[in-house]
Amino acid sequence: MFDTLSDRLAATFKNLRGKGRLSEADIDATAREIRVALLEADVALPVVREFIGRVKERARGAEVSGALNPAQQIVKIVNEELVTILGGETRRLRFAKTGPTVIMLAGLQGAGKTTLAGKLGKWLKEQKHSPLLVACDLQRPNAVNQLSVVAQRAGVSVFAPEPGNGVGDPVKVARDSIEYAKTKQYDVVVVDTAGRLGIDAEMMQQAADIRDAVKPDEILFVVDAMIGQDAVVTAQAFLDGVGFDGVVLSKLDGDARGGAALSVAQVTGRQIMFASSGEKLDEFDAFHPDRMASRILGMGDMLSLIEMAESKYDQDVALKAAEKLQGGGKDFTLDDFLQQMEQVKKLGSISKLLGMLPGMGAMKEQIDNIDDRDLDRVAAIIKSMTPGERADVKILNGSRRARIAKGAGCEVNAVNNLIERFVEARKMMGQMAKGGGMPGMPGMPGMGGAGKKKGKAPKQAKGKRQSGNPMKRKQEAAAEAAKREERAANPFGLPGGAGAGGAADFELPDEFKNFLPPGQK
């Protein structure tokens, strides 16, 4: 969503590199480019004006003029101001001291409230809570059924006493859900309310009645991040009509310009608390303004990547693989390789993971061309092998490879390429685990294996051809003997011989004599 904005800002900062100091003209030109980039991203005009004003004021101050690298200081200022308009510090959920914590979802129809209720339920369950989803959207066709399906997929409970489709009282359902949660020992209640295609009095009144009936601890306004400036208008209308405590951004994986995300927190004064970045139930997490600002500026998001790895990567599997690699990699089999690949798939899309690494903005096109289905094709090839073949790839002859290719539905070349890459990767990982550096690269000082690179064996010199004339052979032998005597007398090749002016009479200059011990000067 923020690709266009990131590209424009990166181009703007690139023009500042290499400048020892920034003039007023440089600051004005940079501010102008940033303003255009934000307006093109559909950020609200009042937000852009305030943002640019703060950036220019700080850029003209001492923190830039006295900096060793003014360009980097400008990037730092823009990053800090982006964090500010995104809400500042990360906002956490407030939980009730007694009784179930009630979270009410509000927003327009189509914003993704029902799906988000399931995502929030799954997230709460992973946080060691016991959530209950409540179906209070009784107007939209099949809304109750959708929430039941989403709850089942998320592994959480649902309270849906009414069939919906225009039947039932949503306020009564919301009120009854609190008593049900207390009886069944649920500590969090997530109330899914009805929406409309636009703001109207009936929807606002129903939302207000549900709010008064359950007295929620948190009211979350769910906004579709793809609707642009209209998101700010809708958020302001809900704030005035019902009120809310935090914002949830849905559909952050879309290709819209993303201005709503940069505007809604600043305009409404309510922080963004959660963000949904995909259709899967686990593509949802708490919103961190500082991390989002880093992503927009192309500086990556290593903290989120580490948290994902810690929560989804199996430590036992990783430890076993590491032990095998430390032994030289010979015991690392295709089964281990398949396990590692499945662990990576748990983290999500490969392109999304690479996008979290710092400096990957310059490789955006290559990352976008990565096909996650390649991992499935590799898994199909490995699973078409017998246990013995996975344990020892050396037994994979031509007929076995043809059978594997037929079972995986691919060409034999694909099987050959996988085996070759696996053998090379195992060799490389084994050597790296031993501290020997990568194969094909010179060893690093202080690391095991350094300096062990085998060079080509020197070619043996051919014997010197001798003349067939006995007299000429005698002359050549005498000349060779004279040369040997001269080399013995003057081994360093100094001018003259060992006699006058030669090596015996050679004397070091005075400035070099000062470095010699007293007895050798």
Protein backbone atom coordinates (compact mmCIF):
# COMPACT_ATOMS: atom_id res chain seq x y z
CA MET A 1 0.00 0.00 0.00
CA PHE A 2 2.80 2.43 0.82
CA ASP A 3 5.06 1.47 -2.12
CA THR A 4 4.43 4.66 -4.11
CA LEU A 5 4.98 6.88 -1.08
CA SER A 6 8.15 4.95 -0.16
CA ASP A 7 9.56 5.32 -3.70
CA ARG A 8 8.89 9.08 -3.78
CA LEU A 9 10.47 9.66 -0.37
CA ALA A 10 13.50 7.50 -1.26
CA ALA A 11 14.06 9.54 -4.44
CA THR A 12 13.76 12.77 -2.43
CA PHE A 13 16.35 11.72 0.15
CA LYS A 14 18.68 10.43 -2.57
CA ASN A 15 19.06 13.99 -3.86
CA LEU A 16 20.36 15.09 -0.44
CA ARG A 17 23.19 12.58 -0.22
CA GLY A 18 26.71 13.87 -0.48
CA LYS A 19 25.83 17.41 0.62
CA GLY A 20 27.99 18.70 3.47
CA ARG A 21 25.45 21.34 4.40
CA LEU A 22 21.86 22.14 3.44
CA SER A 23 20.83 25.56 2.20
CA GLU A 24 17.38 27.12 2.54
CA ALA A 25 16.75 26.17 -1.08
CA ASP A 26 17.61 22.52 -0.36
CA ILE A 27 15.22 22.42 2.63
CA ASP A 28 12.40 24.07 0.64
CA ALA A 29 12.89 21.72 -2.32
CA THR A 30 12.90 18.66 -0.04
CA ALA A 31 9.77 19.85 1.80
CA ARG A 32 8.05 20.45 -1.54
CA GLU A 33 8.84 16.91 -2.72
CA ILE A 34 7.63 15.39 0.56
CA ARG A 35 4.40 17.45 0.33
CA VAL A 36 3.73 16.17 -3.20
CA ALA A 37 4.47 12.58 -2.12
CA LEU A 38 2.01 12.79 0.80
CA LEU A 39 -0.73 14.41 -1.28
CA GLU A 40 -0.31 11.75 -3.97
CA ALA A 41 -0.69 9.15 -1.20
CA ASP A 42 -4.09 10.71 -0.44
CA VAL A 43 -3.13 12.04 2.98
CA ALA A 44 -5.55 14.67 4.30
CA LEU A 45 -4.48 18.22 3.46
CA PRO A 46 -4.54 19.55 7.08
CA VAL A 47 -2.30 16.65 8.12
CA VAL A 48 0.13 17.38 5.26
CA ARG A 49 0.33 21.08 6.15
CA GLU A 50 1.04 20.36 9.81
CA PHE A 51 3.58 17.65 8.96
CA ILE A 52 5.52 19.80 6.47
CA GLY A 53 5.48 22.76 8.86
CA ARG A 54 7.10 20.73 11.64
CA VAL A 55 9.68 19.18 9.29
CA LYS A 56 10.75 22.58 7.87
CA GLU A 57 10.95 24.13 11.33
CA ARG A 58 13.16 21.35 12.65
CA ALA A 59 15.24 21.20 9.43
CA ARG A 60 16.18 24.88 9.85
CA GLY A 61 17.22 24.32 13.45
CA ALA A 62 20.53 23.47 15.05
CA GLU A 63 19.98 19.69 14.90
CA VAL A 64 20.54 19.79 11.11
CA SER A 65 22.98 22.68 10.73
CA GLY A 66 25.32 21.18 13.32
CA ALA A 67 25.00 17.59 12.13
CA LEU A 68 27.88 15.70 10.53
CA ASN A 69 25.49 14.32 7.92
CA PRO A 70 22.56 16.71 7.29
CA ALA A 71 20.84 14.34 4.85
CA GLN A 72 20.62 11.56 7.45
CA GLN A 73 19.37 14.10 9.99
CA ILE A 74 16.51 15.07 7.63
CA VAL A 75 15.57 11.39 7.28
CA LYS A 76 15.58 11.09 11.08
CA ILE A 77 13.28 14.12 11.40
CA VAL A 78 10.85 12.78 8.77
CA ASN A 79 10.83 9.39 10.49
CA GLU A 80 10.04 10.92 13.88
CA GLU A 81 7.26 13.11 12.44
CA LEU A 82 5.76 10.12 10.61
CA VAL A 83 5.66 8.26 13.92
CA THR A 84 3.85 11.26 15.43
CA ILE A 85 1.09 11.44 12.79
CA LEU A 86 0.65 7.65 12.98
CA GLY A 87 -0.17 7.97 16.68
CA GLY A 88 3.13 8.08 18.55
CA GLU A 89 3.49 5.19 20.99
CA THR A 90 1.85 1.80 20.54
CA ARG A 91 -1.64 1.75 22.09
CA ARG A 92 -2.54 -1.43 24.00
CA LEU A 93 -5.98 -2.82 24.82
CA ARG A 94 -7.47 -1.85 28.17
CA PHE A 95 -8.79 -4.86 30.03
CA ALA A 96 -11.52 -4.68 32.70
CA LYS A 97 -10.46 -5.28 36.31
CA THR A 98 -13.55 -7.41 37.01
CA GLY A 99 -15.94 -9.29 34.76
CA PRO A 100 -15.46 -9.83 31.06
CA THR A 101 -13.71 -7.14 29.00
CA VAL A 102 -16.19 -5.95 26.34
CA ILE A 103 -14.84 -4.87 22.93
CA MET A 104 -17.34 -3.40 20.47
CA LEU A 105 -16.59 -3.21 16.74
CA ALA A 106 -18.18 -0.41 14.71
CA GLY A 107 -17.85 0.72 11.10
CA LEU A 108 -19.41 0.76 7.66
CA GLN A 109 -20.63 -2.35 5.86
CA GLY A 110 -17.83 -3.90 3.84
CA ALA A 111 -15.05 -2.60 6.08
CA GLY A 112 -14.34 -6.17 7.23
CA LYS A 113 -15.76 -6.14 10.78
CA THR A 114 -16.96 -9.76 10.83
CA THR A 115 -13.70 -11.21 9.50
CA LEU A 116 -11.78 -8.91 11.81
CA ALA A 117 -13.80 -10.19 14.79
CA GLY A 118 -12.43 -13.67 14.04
CA LYS A 119 -8.88 -12.33 13.66
CA LEU A 120 -9.14 -10.43 16.93
CA GLY A 121 -10.55 -13.54 18.64
CA LYS A 122 -7.63 -15.65 17.41
CA TRP A 123 -5.13 -12.98 18.46
CA LEU A 124 -6.68 -12.78 21.94
CA LYS A 125 -6.59 -16.56 22.25
CA GLU A 126 -2.86 -16.52 21.42
CA GLN A 127 -2.48 -13.91 24.19
CA LYS A 128 -3.85 -16.50 26.67
CA HIS A 129 -7.38 -15.03 26.84
CA SER A 130 -10.71 -16.79 26.42
CA PRO A 131 -12.71 -14.71 23.90
CA LEU A 132 -16.39 -14.95 22.92
CA LEU A 133 -17.63 -13.53 19.59
CA VAL A 134 -21.16 -12.08 19.63
CA ALA A 135 -23.29 -11.86 16.46
CA CYS A 136 -25.16 -8.56 16.66
CA ASP A 137 -25.24 -7.92 12.90
CA LEU A 138 -28.77 -9.22 12.27
CA GLN A 139 -29.46 -7.19 9.12
CA ARG A 140 -26.87 -8.28 6.54
CA PRO A 141 -27.70 -11.61 4.87
CA ASN A 142 -25.70 -14.54 6.28
CA ALA A 143 -23.72 -12.27 8.64
CA VAL A 144 -24.46 -14.58 11.60
CA ASN A 145 -23.45 -17.65 9.61
CA GLN A 146 -20.25 -15.92 8.46
CA LEU A 147 -19.27 -15.07 12.03
CA SER A 148 -19.90 -18.69 13.09
CA VAL A 149 -17.66 -20.00 10.30
CA VAL A 150 -14.91 -17.47 11.08
CA ALA A 151 -15.10 -18.31 14.81
CA GLN A 152 -14.78 -22.02 14.05
CA ARG A 153 -11.70 -21.41 11.89
CA ALA A 154 -10.18 -19.23 14.61
CA GLY A 155 -10.89 -21.85 17.27
CA VAL A 156 -12.98 -19.54 19.46
CA SER A 157 -16.60 -19.63 20.72
CA VAL A 158 -19.52 -17.68 19.29
CA PHE A 159 -22.79 -16.45 20.82
CA ALA A 160 -25.48 -16.34 18.10
CA PRO A 161 -28.99 -16.98 19.53
CA GLU A 162 -30.73 -15.24 16.58
CA PRO A 163 -30.61 -16.42 12.94
CA GLY A 164 -30.20 -12.91 11.56
CA ASN A 165 -31.27 -11.96 8.01
CA GLY A 166 -33.52 -9.27 9.51
CA VAL A 167 -34.76 -11.39 12.45
CA GLY A 168 -33.96 -10.59 16.09
CA ASP A 169 -33.08 -7.68 18.37
CA PRO A 170 -29.32 -6.88 18.28
CA VAL A 171 -29.48 -4.86 21.51
CA LYS A 172 -30.99 -7.79 23.43
CA VAL A 173 -28.40 -10.19 21.95
CA ALA A 174 -25.59 -7.88 23.07
CA ARG A 175 -27.04 -7.57 26.59
CA ASP A 176 -27.60 -11.33 26.95
CA SER A 177 -24.06 -12.08 25.76
CA ILE A 178 -22.56 -10.46 28.87
CA GLU A 179 -24.48 -12.76 31.22
CA TYR A 180 -23.61 -15.75 29.02
CA ALA A 181 -19.90 -14.83 29.12
CA LYS A 182 -19.97 -14.55 32.93
CA THR A 183 -21.67 -17.95 33.21
CA LYS A 184 -19.24 -19.69 30.84
CA GLN A 185 -16.13 -17.92 32.19
CA TYR A 186 -15.17 -16.01 29.03
CA ASP A 187 -12.90 -13.09 29.92
CA VAL A 188 -13.27 -11.09 26.66
CA VAL A 189 -16.45 -10.40 24.67
CA VAL A 190 -16.10 -9.15 21.07
CA VAL A 191 -19.38 -7.63 19.79
CA ASP A 192 -19.80 -7.55 15.99
CA THR A 193 -22.31 -4.83 15.06
CA ALA A 194 -24.17 -4.03 11.85
CA GLY A 195 -22.98 -1.49 9.32
CA ARG A 196 -24.44 0.40 6.38
CA LEU A 197 -23.14 1.39 2.98
CA GLY A 198 -23.07 4.97 4.25
CA ILE A 199 -23.63 7.02 7.38
CA ASP A 200 -27.30 7.12 8.42
CA ALA A 201 -29.27 7.86 11.59
CA GLU A 202 -30.63 4.31 12.01
CA MET A 203 -27.19 2.71 12.06
CA MET A 204 -25.84 5.33 14.46
CA GLN A 205 -28.81 4.87 16.80
CA GLN A 206 -28.45 1.08 16.86
CA ALA A 207 -24.71 1.33 17.56
CA ALA A 208 -25.38 3.82 20.35
CA ASP A 209 -28.04 1.53 21.88
CA ILE A 210 -25.66 -1.45 21.86
CA ARG A 211 -22.99 0.74 23.43
CA ASP A 212 -25.34 1.79 26.23
CA ALA A 213 -26.49 -1.82 26.78
CA VAL A 214 -23.05 -3.45 27.18
CA LYS A 215 -20.94 -0.45 28.31
CA PRO A 216 -17.84 -1.58 26.36
CA ASP A 217 -14.34 -1.11 27.73
CA GLU A 218 -13.08 -0.49 24.19
CA ILE A 219 -14.96 0.69 21.07
CA LEU A 220 -12.89 -0.01 17.98
CA PHE A 221 -13.71 1.74 14.72
CA VAL A 222 -12.91 -0.57 11.78
CA VAL A 223 -11.93 1.40 8.68
CA ASP A 224 -11.15 0.11 5.20
CA ALA A 225 -7.69 1.51 4.44
CA MET A 226 -8.43 1.43 0.70
CA ILE A 227 -11.24 4.04 0.65
CA GLY A 228 -8.90 7.02 0.94
CA GLN A 229 -10.14 10.40 2.15
CA ASP A 230 -13.65 9.12 2.80
CA ALA A 231 -12.21 7.09 5.69
CA VAL A 232 -11.44 10.31 7.56
CA VAL A 233 -14.96 11.68 6.98
CA THR A 234 -16.56 8.42 8.15
CA ALA A 235 -14.29 8.23 11.20
CA GLN A 236 -15.22 11.77 12.22
CA ALA A 237 -18.95 10.97 11.83
CA PHE A 238 -18.65 7.85 14.03
CA LEU A 239 -16.62 9.80 16.58
CA ASP A 240 -19.36 12.40 16.86
CA GLY A 241 -22.29 9.95 16.74
CA VAL A 242 -21.13 6.94 18.77
CA GLY A 243 -17.59 7.65 19.88
CA PHE A 244 -14.69 5.20 19.74
CA ASP A 245 -11.44 4.61 21.59
CA GLY A 246 -9.20 3.22 18.87
CA VAL A 247 -8.96 2.52 15.15
CA VAL A 248 -8.44 -0.80 13.35
CA LEU A 249 -7.14 -0.65 9.77
CA SER A 250 -8.31 -3.45 7.49
CA LYS A 251 -7.09 -4.38 3.98
CA LEU A 252 -3.59 -2.95 4.41
CA ASP A 253 -2.46 -5.46 1.77
CA GLY A 254 -4.42 -3.61 -0.91
CA ASP A 255 -2.94 -1.45 -3.66
CA ALA A 256 -4.64 1.81 -2.65
CA ARG A 257 -2.56 4.83 -1.76
CA GLY A 258 -2.79 4.48 2.01
CA GLY A 259 -3.59 8.06 2.94
CA ALA A 260 -6.31 6.97 5.38
CA ALA A 261 -3.76 5.24 7.59
CA LEU A 262 -1.65 8.40 7.75
CA SER A 263 -4.64 10.69 8.34
CA VAL A 264 -7.21 9.04 10.58
CA ALA A 265 -5.16 9.06 13.80
CA GLN A 266 -4.13 12.70 13.41
CA VAL A 267 -7.62 13.95 12.45
CA THR A 268 -9.65 12.04 15.07
CA GLY A 269 -7.11 12.06 17.89
CA ARG A 270 -7.66 8.29 18.34
CA GLN A 271 -4.72 5.95 17.83
CA ILE A 272 -4.54 3.05 15.39
CA MET A 273 -4.49 -0.06 17.58
CA PHE A 274 -4.58 -2.98 15.13
CA ALA A 275 -3.93 -3.59 11.45
CA SER A 276 -5.10 -6.39 9.18
CA SER A 277 -2.72 -7.10 6.31
CA GLY A 278 -4.28 -10.08 4.53
CA GLU A 279 -7.19 -12.48 4.23
CA LYS A 280 -5.79 -15.17 6.52
CA LEU A 281 -6.77 -15.12 10.18
CA ASP A 282 -3.18 -14.80 11.37
CA GLU A 283 -2.44 -11.78 9.14
CA PHE A 284 -3.40 -9.42 11.94
CA ASP A 285 -1.39 -7.78 14.70
CA ALA A 286 -1.04 -4.78 16.96
CA PHE A 287 -0.17 -1.56 15.12
CA HIS A 288 3.23 -0.06 15.93
CA PRO A 289 3.63 3.52 14.59
CA ASP A 290 7.44 3.44 14.76
CA ARG A 291 7.65 0.18 12.79
CA MET A 292 5.19 1.40 10.15
CA ALA A 293 7.21 4.60 9.72
CA SER A 294 10.36 2.52 9.24
CA ARG A 295 8.64 0.46 6.54
CA ILE A 296 7.44 3.57 4.72
CA LEU A 297 10.99 4.97 4.69
CA GLY A 298 12.42 1.66 3.46
CA MET A 299 14.26 0.91 6.71
CA GLY A 300 12.58 -2.46 7.24
CA ASP A 301 10.84 -3.88 10.28
CA MET A 302 13.19 -6.30 11.99
CA LEU A 303 11.32 -6.27 15.32
CA SER A 304 8.10 -7.56 13.74
CA LEU A 305 10.09 -10.17 11.81
CA ILE A 306 11.78 -11.38 15.01
CA GLU A 307 8.44 -11.52 16.86
CA MET A 308 6.91 -13.56 14.03
CA ALA A 309 9.84 -15.98 14.09
CA GLU A 310 9.68 -16.36 17.87
CA SER A 311 5.94 -17.04 17.87
CA LYS A 312 5.72 -19.41 14.88
CA TYR A 313 9.14 -21.04 14.50
CA ASP A 314 9.53 -24.40 16.27
CA GLN A 315 12.62 -24.09 18.46
CA ASP A 316 13.11 -27.86 18.77
CA VAL A 317 13.18 -28.33 14.99
CA ALA A 318 15.63 -25.45 14.60
CA LEU A 319 17.88 -26.83 17.36
CA LYS A 320 18.01 -30.31 15.82
CA ALA A 321 18.87 -28.87 12.40
CA ALA A 322 21.61 -26.70 13.93
CA GLU A 323 23.14 -29.72 15.70
CA LYS A 324 23.25 -31.66 12.43
CA LEU A 325 24.89 -28.76 10.62
CA GLN A 326 27.49 -28.33 13.36
CA GLY A 327 28.53 -31.90 12.68
CA GLY A 328 29.57 -30.90 9.17
CA GLY A 329 26.16 -31.17 7.54
CA LYS A 330 26.53 -34.82 6.47
CA ASP A 331 23.56 -35.90 8.61
CA PHE A 332 21.34 -33.08 7.25
CA THR A 333 18.80 -34.84 5.03
CA LEU A 334 16.04 -33.80 2.66
CA ASP A 335 13.56 -34.51 5.47
CA ASP A 336 15.32 -31.87 7.59
CA PHE A 337 15.33 -29.51 4.63
CA LEU A 338 11.58 -30.04 4.16
CA GLN A 339 10.96 -29.35 7.86
CA GLN A 340 12.90 -26.08 7.68
CA MET A 341 10.99 -25.05 4.57
CA GLU A 342 7.66 -25.70 6.27
CA GLN A 343 8.82 -23.62 9.24
CA VAL A 344 9.54 -20.69 6.90
CA LYS A 345 6.11 -21.08 5.26
CA LYS A 346 4.50 -20.62 8.69
CA LEU A 347 5.87 -17.08 8.78
CA GLY A 348 3.85 -16.11 5.71
CA SER A 349 4.67 -14.88 2.23
CA ILE A 350 8.38 -14.94 1.31
CA SER A 351 8.09 -11.59 -0.46
CA LYS A 352 6.46 -10.07 2.64
CA LEU A 353 9.24 -11.42 4.87
CA LEU A 354 11.95 -10.05 2.58
CA GLY A 355 10.17 -6.70 2.53
CA MET A 356 10.69 -6.44 6.30
CA LEU A 357 14.48 -6.53 5.87
CA PRO A 358 16.30 -3.17 5.82
CA GLY A 359 17.44 -1.97 2.39
CA MET A 360 15.14 -4.26 0.41
CA GLY A 361 13.30 -1.31 -1.13
CA ALA A 362 15.84 -1.22 -3.96
CA MET A 363 14.99 -4.86 -4.85
CA LYS A 364 11.21 -4.37 -4.85
CA GLU A 365 10.70 -5.67 -8.40
CA GLN A 366 12.71 -8.84 -7.76
CA ILE A 367 10.85 -9.46 -4.49
CA ASP A 368 7.47 -8.99 -6.17
CA ASN A 369 8.41 -11.65 -8.74
CA ILE A 370 8.98 -14.30 -6.06
CA ASP A 371 6.40 -17.07 -6.37
CA ASP A 372 5.55 -18.71 -3.04
CA ARG A 373 4.27 -21.73 -4.96
CA ASP A 374 7.88 -22.66 -5.73
CA LEU A 375 8.12 -23.93 -2.14
CA ASP A 376 5.10 -26.18 -2.77
CA ARG A 377 6.74 -27.57 -5.91
CA VAL A 378 9.94 -28.35 -3.99
CA ALA A 379 7.88 -30.02 -1.24
CA ALA A 380 6.10 -32.14 -3.87
CA ILE A 381 9.43 -33.38 -5.25
CA ILE A 382 10.77 -34.31 -1.79
CA LYS A 383 7.52 -36.03 -0.79
CA SER A 384 7.68 -38.12 -3.98
CA MET A 385 10.88 -39.73 -2.66
CA THR A 386 11.14 -42.79 -0.45
CA PRO A 387 12.52 -42.36 3.12
CA GLY A 388 15.77 -43.95 2.00
CA GLU A 389 16.15 -41.54 -0.91
CA ARG A 390 15.55 -38.55 1.32
CA ALA A 391 18.16 -39.81 3.78
CA ASP A 392 20.84 -40.42 1.11
CA VAL A 393 20.67 -38.49 -2.16
CA LYS A 394 23.66 -40.45 -3.53
CA ILE A 395 21.40 -43.39 -4.40
CA LEU A 396 19.27 -41.23 -6.72
CA ASN A 397 20.19 -42.64 -10.11
CA GLY A 398 18.53 -41.78 -13.42
CA SER A 399 15.57 -44.17 -13.12
CA ARG A 400 14.79 -43.06 -9.56
CA ARG A 401 14.88 -39.40 -10.59
CA ALA A 402 12.54 -40.09 -13.50
CA ARG A 403 10.09 -41.82 -11.14
CA ILE A 404 10.26 -38.90 -8.67
CA ALA A 405 9.65 -36.37 -11.45
CA LYS A 406 6.62 -38.31 -12.62
CA GLY A 407 5.24 -38.49 -9.08
CA ALA A 408 5.75 -34.74 -8.50
CA GLY A 409 4.37 -33.78 -11.90
CA CYS A 410 7.51 -32.00 -13.07
CA GLU A 411 10.47 -32.44 -15.41
CA VAL A 412 13.55 -34.47 -14.45
CA ASN A 413 15.60 -31.25 -14.68
CA ALA A 414 13.65 -29.85 -11.71
CA VAL A 415 14.61 -32.91 -9.63
CA ASN A 416 18.25 -32.62 -10.71
CA ASN A 417 18.36 -28.91 -9.87
CA LEU A 418 16.85 -29.50 -6.42
CA ILE A 419 19.37 -32.23 -5.57
CA GLU A 420 22.32 -30.15 -6.80
CA ARG A 421 21.19 -27.09 -4.85
CA PHE A 422 20.56 -29.18 -1.74
CA VAL A 423 24.03 -30.75 -1.84
CA GLU A 424 25.69 -27.35 -2.34
CA ALA A 425 23.57 -25.73 0.38
CA ARG A 426 24.36 -28.54 2.82
CA LYS A 427 28.05 -28.18 2.09
CA MET A 428 27.92 -24.42 2.52
CA MET A 429 25.88 -24.53 5.76
CA GLY A 430 28.13 -27.23 7.19
CA GLN A 431 31.24 -25.19 6.50
CA MET A 432 29.66 -22.02 7.90
CA ALA A 433 28.61 -23.91 11.05
CA LYS A 434 32.24 -24.94 11.52
CA GLY A 435 33.32 -21.30 11.12
CA GLY A 436 35.02 -21.82 7.79
CA GLY A 437 33.18 -19.18 5.81
CA MET A 438 31.38 -19.81 2.56
CA PRO A 439 32.82 -22.27 0.05
CA GLY A 440 34.50 -20.57 -2.86
CA MET A 441 35.39 -17.55 -0.72
CA PRO A 442 38.71 -16.91 1.03
CA GLY A 443 38.73 -17.68 4.73
CA MET A 444 38.38 -14.77 7.12
CA PRO A 445 41.15 -14.09 9.64
CA GLY A 446 40.43 -15.60 13.02
CA MET A 447 37.90 -18.10 11.66
CA GLY A 448 38.37 -21.83 11.39
CA GLY A 449 39.26 -22.93 7.92
CA ALA A 450 40.92 -19.63 7.05
CA GLY A 451 43.79 -19.93 4.67
CA LYS A 452 42.90 -23.52 3.74
CA LYS A 453 41.88 -22.71 0.22
CA LYS A 454 43.65 -25.05 -2.09
CA GLY A 455 45.41 -23.40 -4.96
CA LYS A 456 46.40 -25.01 -8.22
CA ALA A 457 49.48 -27.21 -8.08
CA PRO A 458 52.44 -25.39 -9.64
CA LYS A 459 53.41 -26.74 -13.00
CA GLN A 460 56.76 -28.48 -13.13
CA ALA A 461 59.30 -26.60 -15.20
CA LYS A 462 60.54 -28.33 -18.28
CA GLY A 463 64.22 -29.22 -18.40
CA LYS A 464 66.47 -26.81 -20.31
CA ARG A 465 67.36 -28.01 -23.74
CA GLN A 466 71.07 -28.67 -24.32
CA SER A 467 72.99 -28.10 -27.51
CA GLY A 468 74.21 -31.07 -29.48
CA ASN A 469 77.63 -29.36 -29.99
CA PRO A 470 80.09 -30.50 -27.24
CA MET A 471 82.06 -27.23 -27.35
CA LYS A 472 78.91 -25.12 -27.05
CA ARG A 473 77.68 -27.29 -24.12
CA LYS A 474 80.96 -26.67 -22.32
CA GLN A 475 80.65 -22.88 -22.79
CA GLU A 476 77.06 -22.91 -21.49
CA ALA A 477 78.06 -24.95 -18.43
CA ALA A 478 80.90 -22.49 -17.63
CA ALA A 479 78.53 -19.49 -17.98
CA GLU A 480 75.96 -21.15 -15.68
CA ALA A 481 78.66 -21.88 -13.07
CA ALA A 482 79.76 -18.24 -13.13
CA LYS A 483 76.19 -17.08 -12.58
CA ARG A 484 75.81 -19.40 -9.57
CA GLU A 485 78.99 -18.02 -7.99
CA GLU A 486 77.78 -14.45 -8.52
CA ARG A 487 74.39 -15.23 -6.90
CA ALA A 488 76.10 -16.87 -3.92
CA ALA A 489 78.36 -13.83 -3.42
CA ASN A 490 75.54 -11.29 -3.86
CA PRO A 491 72.29 -13.01 -2.81
CA PHE A 492 70.23 -9.77 -2.72
CA GLY A 493 71.18 -8.68 -6.23
CA LEU A 494 72.82 -5.46 -5.03
CA PRO A 495 74.85 -3.45 -7.55
CA GLY A 496 78.41 -4.67 -7.81
CA GLY A 497 79.75 -7.80 -6.18
CA ALA A 498 80.81 -8.60 -2.68
CA GLY A 499 83.87 -6.50 -3.22
CA ALA A 500 84.11 -2.76 -3.75
CA GLY A 501 80.74 -1.12 -3.68
CA GLY A 502 79.06 -4.53 -3.31
CA ALA A 503 77.06 -6.18 -0.54
CA ALA A 504 80.02 -6.23 1.87
CA ASP A 505 80.47 -2.46 1.57
CA PHE A 506 76.76 -1.67 1.66
CA GLU A 507 75.77 0.64 4.50
CA LEU A 508 72.23 1.52 5.72
CA PRO A 509 71.21 5.20 5.73
CA ASP A 510 71.25 6.92 9.14
CA GLU A 511 67.46 7.12 9.42
CA PHE A 512 67.23 3.29 9.15
CA LYS A 513 70.15 2.71 11.56
CA ASN A 514 68.07 4.24 14.34
CA PHE A 515 65.72 1.25 14.21
CA LEU A 516 68.51 -1.32 14.73
CA PRO A 517 69.68 -2.60 18.15
CA PRO A 518 72.76 -0.76 19.53
CA GLY A 519 75.16 -3.64 18.76
CA GLN A 520 74.15 -3.89 15.09
CA LYS A 521 74.34 -0.24 13.97
